[in-house]
N, C-alpha and C. Protein backbone atom coordinates (compact mmCIF):
# COMPACT_ATOMS: atom_id res chain seq x y z
N MET A 1 -61.24 -49.91 143.73
CA MET A 1 -59.93 -49.36 144.45
C MET A 1 -59.30 -50.13 143.64
N PRO A 2 -58.17 -49.00 142.40
CA PRO A 2 -57.41 -49.68 141.29
C PRO A 2 -56.02 -50.18 142.24
N LEU A 3 -54.92 -51.69 141.54
CA LEU A 3 -54.31 -51.98 142.32
C LEU A 3 -53.09 -51.40 142.08
N PRO A 4 -51.82 -51.46 143.31
CA PRO A 4 -50.92 -50.70 143.20
C PRO A 4 -49.80 -50.85 142.13
N GLU A 5 -48.74 -49.35 141.52
CA GLU A 5 -48.28 -50.13 139.96
C GLU A 5 -46.90 -50.66 141.06
N ASP A 6 -46.41 -50.50 142.52
CA ASP A 6 -45.39 -51.24 142.53
C ASP A 6 -45.92 -52.23 144.41
N ILE A 7 -46.10 -53.30 143.34
CA ILE A 7 -46.42 -54.51 144.41
C ILE A 7 -45.70 -54.51 145.20
N ASP A 8 -44.20 -54.10 145.33
CA ASP A 8 -42.86 -54.53 146.26
C ASP A 8 -42.85 -53.46 146.82
N GLY A 9 -43.98 -52.91 147.26
CA GLY A 9 -42.98 -51.38 148.10
C GLY A 9 -44.38 -51.54 149.24
N LEU A 10 -45.46 -52.68 148.94
CA LEU A 10 -46.10 -52.36 149.90
C LEU A 10 -45.72 -52.86 151.11
N SER A 11 -46.64 -52.40 152.58
CA SER A 11 -46.02 -53.27 153.69
C SER A 11 -46.69 -54.68 154.02
N PRO A 12 -46.20 -55.40 154.38
CA PRO A 12 -46.96 -56.83 154.92
C PRO A 12 -48.55 -56.39 155.57
N SER A 13 -48.79 -55.53 155.95
CA SER A 13 -50.26 -54.88 155.75
C SER A 13 -50.88 -55.30 154.79
N GLU A 14 -50.20 -54.23 154.08
CA GLU A 14 -51.17 -53.78 153.18
C GLU A 14 -51.34 -54.67 151.98
N LEU A 15 -50.52 -55.87 151.94
CA LEU A 15 -50.16 -56.93 151.43
C LEU A 15 -51.53 -57.34 151.87
N LYS A 16 -52.28 -57.95 153.17
CA LYS A 16 -53.30 -58.56 153.56
C LYS A 16 -54.19 -58.45 152.81
N GLU A 17 -53.90 -56.75 153.07
CA GLU A 17 -55.79 -56.27 153.13
C GLU A 17 -55.74 -56.28 151.60
N LEU A 18 -54.19 -55.81 150.61
CA LEU A 18 -55.01 -56.12 148.90
C LEU A 18 -55.31 -57.89 148.56
N VAL A 19 -55.16 -59.08 149.65
CA VAL A 19 -55.56 -60.53 149.33
C VAL A 19 -56.79 -60.09 149.47
N LEU A 20 -57.21 -59.80 150.91
CA LEU A 20 -58.80 -59.99 151.59
C LEU A 20 -59.09 -60.03 149.98
N ARG A 21 -59.45 -58.35 150.00
CA ARG A 21 -60.17 -57.18 149.25
C ARG A 21 -59.95 -58.57 147.84
N LEU A 22 -59.39 -59.23 147.11
CA LEU A 22 -59.16 -59.82 146.09
C LEU A 22 -59.18 -61.39 145.98
N LEU A 23 -59.37 -61.35 147.23
CA LEU A 23 -60.01 -63.03 147.52
C LEU A 23 -61.83 -62.73 147.72
N GLN A 24 -62.00 -61.61 148.15
CA GLN A 24 -63.43 -60.94 148.24
C GLN A 24 -64.13 -60.89 146.66
N GLU A 25 -63.79 -60.45 145.87
CA GLU A 25 -64.20 -60.36 144.74
C GLU A 25 -64.06 -61.21 144.01
N VAL A 26 -62.93 -62.61 144.22
CA VAL A 26 -63.02 -63.89 143.35
C VAL A 26 -64.20 -64.21 144.07
N ALA A 27 -64.78 -64.07 145.56
CA ALA A 27 -65.89 -65.17 145.69
C ALA A 27 -66.83 -64.20 144.75
N GLN A 28 -67.27 -63.09 145.40
CA GLN A 28 -68.25 -62.42 144.48
C GLN A 28 -68.16 -62.82 143.24
N LEU A 29 -67.19 -62.61 142.57
CA LEU A 29 -67.16 -63.61 140.92
C LEU A 29 -67.83 -64.53 140.53
N ARG A 30 -67.37 -66.12 141.18
CA ARG A 30 -67.85 -66.68 141.27
C ARG A 30 -69.02 -66.80 141.40
N ARG A 31 -69.44 -66.75 142.92
CA ARG A 31 -70.98 -66.02 142.45
C ARG A 31 -72.07 -66.29 141.48
N THR A 32 -71.27 -65.07 140.55
CA THR A 32 -71.89 -64.30 139.78
C THR A 32 -72.23 -65.34 138.90
N VAL A 33 -70.96 -65.77 138.60
CA VAL A 33 -70.62 -66.60 136.94
C VAL A 33 -71.42 -68.25 137.52
N ALA A 34 -72.03 -68.32 138.80
CA ALA A 34 -73.00 -69.89 138.69
C ALA A 34 -74.47 -69.21 138.69
N ALA A 35 -74.90 -67.78 139.10
CA ALA A 35 -75.77 -67.89 139.13
C ALA A 35 -75.67 -67.20 137.24
N GLN A 36 -75.32 -67.17 137.02
CA GLN A 36 -75.29 -67.54 135.36
C GLN A 36 -75.60 -68.32 134.40
N ARG A 37 -74.96 -69.19 134.83
CA ARG A 37 -74.87 -70.94 134.01
C ARG A 37 -76.46 -71.32 134.95
N ASP A 38 -76.45 -70.89 136.16
CA ASP A 38 -78.14 -71.23 136.02
C ASP A 38 -78.81 -70.49 135.75
N GLU A 39 -79.17 -69.23 134.74
CA GLU A 39 -79.89 -68.52 134.18
C GLU A 39 -80.23 -69.16 133.07
N ILE A 40 -78.67 -69.50 132.69
CA ILE A 40 -78.66 -69.67 130.71
C ILE A 40 -79.21 -71.21 130.82
N ALA A 41 -78.49 -72.05 131.83
CA ALA A 41 -79.52 -73.35 131.45
C ALA A 41 -80.78 -73.41 131.87
N ARG A 42 -81.62 -72.58 132.67
CA ARG A 42 -83.19 -72.41 132.87
C ARG A 42 -83.45 -71.61 131.54
N LEU A 43 -82.67 -71.28 130.15
CA LEU A 43 -83.00 -70.44 129.28
C LEU A 43 -83.44 -71.39 127.94
N LYS A 44 -82.09 -72.44 128.54
CA LYS A 44 -82.26 -73.25 127.38
C LYS A 44 -83.36 -74.67 127.86
N GLY A 45 -83.91 -74.29 129.03
CA GLY A 45 -84.74 -75.33 129.10
C GLY A 45 -84.16 -76.64 129.33
N GLY A 46 -82.68 -76.72 130.37
CA GLY A 46 -81.66 -77.80 130.38
C GLY A 46 -81.99 -78.60 131.49
N PRO A 47 -81.38 -78.86 132.60
CA PRO A 47 -81.60 -79.43 133.34
C PRO A 47 -80.88 -78.40 134.48
N ARG A 48 -81.35 -77.89 136.01
CA ARG A 48 -81.10 -77.23 136.77
C ARG A 48 -80.38 -77.65 137.71
N ARG A 49 -79.50 -76.70 138.12
CA ARG A 49 -78.46 -77.56 139.15
C ARG A 49 -78.99 -78.00 140.54
N PRO A 50 -78.93 -79.53 140.74
CA PRO A 50 -79.68 -80.12 141.70
C PRO A 50 -79.33 -79.84 142.69
N ASN A 51 -80.54 -79.94 143.79
CA ASN A 51 -80.53 -79.64 145.66
C ASN A 51 -80.15 -80.73 146.58
N LEU A 52 -78.57 -80.55 146.61
CA LEU A 52 -77.71 -81.74 147.83
C LEU A 52 -77.57 -81.78 148.50
N ARG A 53 -78.79 -82.98 149.65
CA ARG A 53 -79.07 -83.17 151.34
C ARG A 53 -78.14 -82.92 151.52
N PRO A 54 -77.76 -82.65 152.63
CA PRO A 54 -76.44 -83.37 153.65
C PRO A 54 -77.30 -84.97 154.12
N SER A 55 -75.42 -85.86 153.61
CA SER A 55 -75.71 -86.54 152.90
C SER A 55 -76.03 -87.66 155.08
N GLY A 56 -75.98 -87.04 155.37
CA GLY A 56 -75.97 -87.99 156.95
C GLY A 56 -75.64 -88.97 158.01
N MET A 57 -74.14 -88.77 157.15
CA MET A 57 -72.73 -89.69 157.62
C MET A 57 -72.85 -89.36 159.20
N GLU A 58 -73.15 -88.74 159.74
CA GLU A 58 -73.01 -87.59 160.86
C GLU A 58 -73.99 -88.82 162.20
N GLN A 59 -74.77 -88.87 162.09
CA GLN A 59 -75.93 -89.70 162.40
C GLN A 59 -75.39 -91.48 161.68
N GLY A 60 -74.71 -91.52 161.05
CA GLY A 60 -74.17 -92.98 161.39
C GLY A 60 -73.00 -93.60 161.86
N THR A 61 -72.47 -91.73 162.63
CA THR A 61 -70.91 -92.65 163.72
C THR A 61 -71.29 -92.64 164.81
N ASP A 62 -73.02 -92.21 165.34
CA ASP A 62 -73.18 -92.02 166.92
C ASP A 62 -73.49 -93.74 166.82
N ALA A 63 -73.45 -94.26 168.03
CA ALA A 63 -73.58 -95.17 168.62
C ALA A 63 -75.54 -95.87 168.48
N LYS A 64 -75.17 -96.72 168.53
CA LYS A 64 -76.95 -97.40 168.15
C LYS A 64 -77.57 -98.26 169.66
N PRO A 65 -78.41 -97.89 170.55
CA PRO A 65 -78.90 -98.73 171.63
C PRO A 65 -78.97 -99.61 170.79
N PRO A 66 -78.92 -101.07 171.85
CA PRO A 66 -78.59 -102.35 171.73
C PRO A 66 -80.38 -102.65 171.26
N GLU A 67 -80.78 -103.39 170.14
CA GLU A 67 -81.78 -103.13 169.06
C GLU A 67 -82.38 -105.00 170.39
N SER A 68 -84.05 -104.65 170.80
CA SER A 68 -85.10 -105.47 171.39
C SER A 68 -85.57 -105.97 170.69
N ARG A 69 -85.83 -107.12 171.05
CA ARG A 69 -87.14 -107.99 169.89
C ARG A 69 -88.03 -107.78 169.71
N GLN A 70 -88.86 -107.32 168.95
CA GLN A 70 -90.65 -107.18 169.22
C GLN A 70 -91.38 -107.89 168.53
N ARG A 71 -92.57 -107.98 169.56
CA ARG A 71 -93.48 -108.83 168.90
C ARG A 71 -94.44 -108.13 167.65
N HIS A 72 -94.72 -109.07 166.65
CA HIS A 72 -95.10 -108.66 165.77
C HIS A 72 -96.89 -109.10 166.32
N PRO A 73 -97.93 -108.61 165.94
CA PRO A 73 -98.95 -108.47 166.30
C PRO A 73 -99.26 -109.87 164.47
N ARG A 74 -100.55 -110.10 165.83
CA ARG A 74 -100.96 -111.20 164.22
C ARG A 74 -101.45 -110.89 163.31
N GLY A 75 -102.04 -109.82 163.60
CA GLY A 75 -103.46 -109.67 162.65
C GLY A 75 -104.87 -109.54 163.19
N ASP A 76 -105.87 -109.32 162.24
CA ASP A 76 -106.51 -109.49 162.25
C ASP A 76 -106.83 -110.59 162.02
N THR A 77 -107.97 -111.57 162.61
CA THR A 77 -108.56 -112.77 162.16
C THR A 77 -109.76 -113.12 161.97
N ARG A 78 -110.42 -112.33 161.92
CA ARG A 78 -112.05 -112.08 161.25
C ARG A 78 -112.32 -111.96 159.94
N SER A 79 -111.40 -111.22 159.59
CA SER A 79 -111.23 -110.75 158.49
C SER A 79 -111.16 -112.03 157.37
N LYS A 80 -110.07 -113.03 158.32
CA LYS A 80 -110.02 -114.35 157.06
C LYS A 80 -110.91 -115.18 157.54
N LEU A 81 -112.31 -114.88 158.42
CA LEU A 81 -112.96 -116.70 158.50
C LEU A 81 -114.07 -115.94 157.35
N ALA A 82 -115.01 -116.93 157.17
CA ALA A 82 -116.11 -117.28 156.56
C ALA A 82 -117.15 -117.57 156.90
N ILE A 83 -118.11 -117.08 156.80
CA ILE A 83 -119.00 -117.09 157.39
C ILE A 83 -120.35 -118.32 156.77
N ASP A 84 -120.41 -119.77 156.92
CA ASP A 84 -121.54 -120.33 156.43
C ASP A 84 -122.67 -120.85 156.54
N GLU A 85 -123.25 -120.06 158.05
CA GLU A 85 -124.26 -120.39 158.15
C GLU A 85 -125.12 -119.17 159.48
N GLU A 86 -125.77 -119.24 159.61
CA GLU A 86 -126.39 -118.19 160.74
C GLU A 86 -127.71 -119.37 161.24
N ARG A 87 -127.31 -118.82 162.78
CA ARG A 87 -128.40 -119.49 163.81
C ARG A 87 -128.68 -118.80 164.38
N ILE A 88 -130.68 -118.87 164.59
CA ILE A 88 -130.74 -118.38 165.42
C ILE A 88 -131.14 -118.73 166.77
N ILE A 89 -130.88 -118.22 168.17
CA ILE A 89 -131.14 -119.54 169.62
C ILE A 89 -131.58 -118.21 170.07
N ALA A 90 -132.90 -119.48 170.33
CA ALA A 90 -133.38 -118.43 171.39
C ALA A 90 -133.46 -118.50 172.88
N VAL A 91 -133.39 -117.51 173.60
CA VAL A 91 -132.59 -117.01 175.31
C VAL A 91 -133.97 -117.28 175.31
N ASP A 92 -134.60 -117.52 176.88
CA ASP A 92 -135.34 -117.17 177.77
C ASP A 92 -136.13 -116.51 177.94
N GLY A 93 -134.97 -115.68 178.48
CA GLY A 93 -135.40 -113.90 178.69
C GLY A 93 -134.17 -112.78 178.70
N PRO A 94 -133.70 -112.21 178.44
CA PRO A 94 -132.59 -110.70 178.39
C PRO A 94 -132.56 -110.94 179.43
N PRO A 95 -130.82 -110.93 179.42
CA PRO A 95 -130.21 -110.19 180.78
C PRO A 95 -130.87 -108.74 181.68
N ARG A 96 -130.81 -109.43 183.06
CA ARG A 96 -131.15 -107.89 183.38
C ARG A 96 -130.95 -106.59 182.46
N GLY A 97 -130.97 -105.15 182.50
CA GLY A 97 -130.99 -103.73 181.22
C GLY A 97 -130.32 -104.05 180.36
N SER A 98 -130.62 -105.39 179.67
CA SER A 98 -130.15 -105.35 178.15
C SER A 98 -131.76 -104.70 177.43
N ARG A 99 -132.06 -104.30 175.80
CA ARG A 99 -132.77 -104.52 175.31
C ARG A 99 -132.73 -104.98 174.27
N PHE A 100 -133.54 -105.27 173.50
CA PHE A 100 -133.89 -106.95 172.14
C PHE A 100 -134.20 -105.06 170.58
N LYS A 101 -132.84 -105.26 170.34
CA LYS A 101 -132.26 -104.51 168.98
C LYS A 101 -132.89 -104.81 167.35
N GLY A 102 -133.86 -106.05 167.34
CA GLY A 102 -133.68 -106.91 165.75
C GLY A 102 -133.48 -108.85 166.37
């Protein structure tokens, strides 16, 4: 739809419609230009537009629950032990219900 020749003669509602239509056209043209810039950068082998993630500031404004002190496990002490000697101990008889495995 072409622009009217006499803009002064338009009613306020017609002017609103014209402004809205022009704003939509400008937004579409901006999207087209951004897509073309990305395509040109891709064809030239240059850097593409980065994908920006949300900053996470909304999470930072929430109140944090009070932190309780937690104990840290000491870890496995068997891995730190060194075996110096092996002893074979004779047993009178194995306990009831057990079996000899070597």
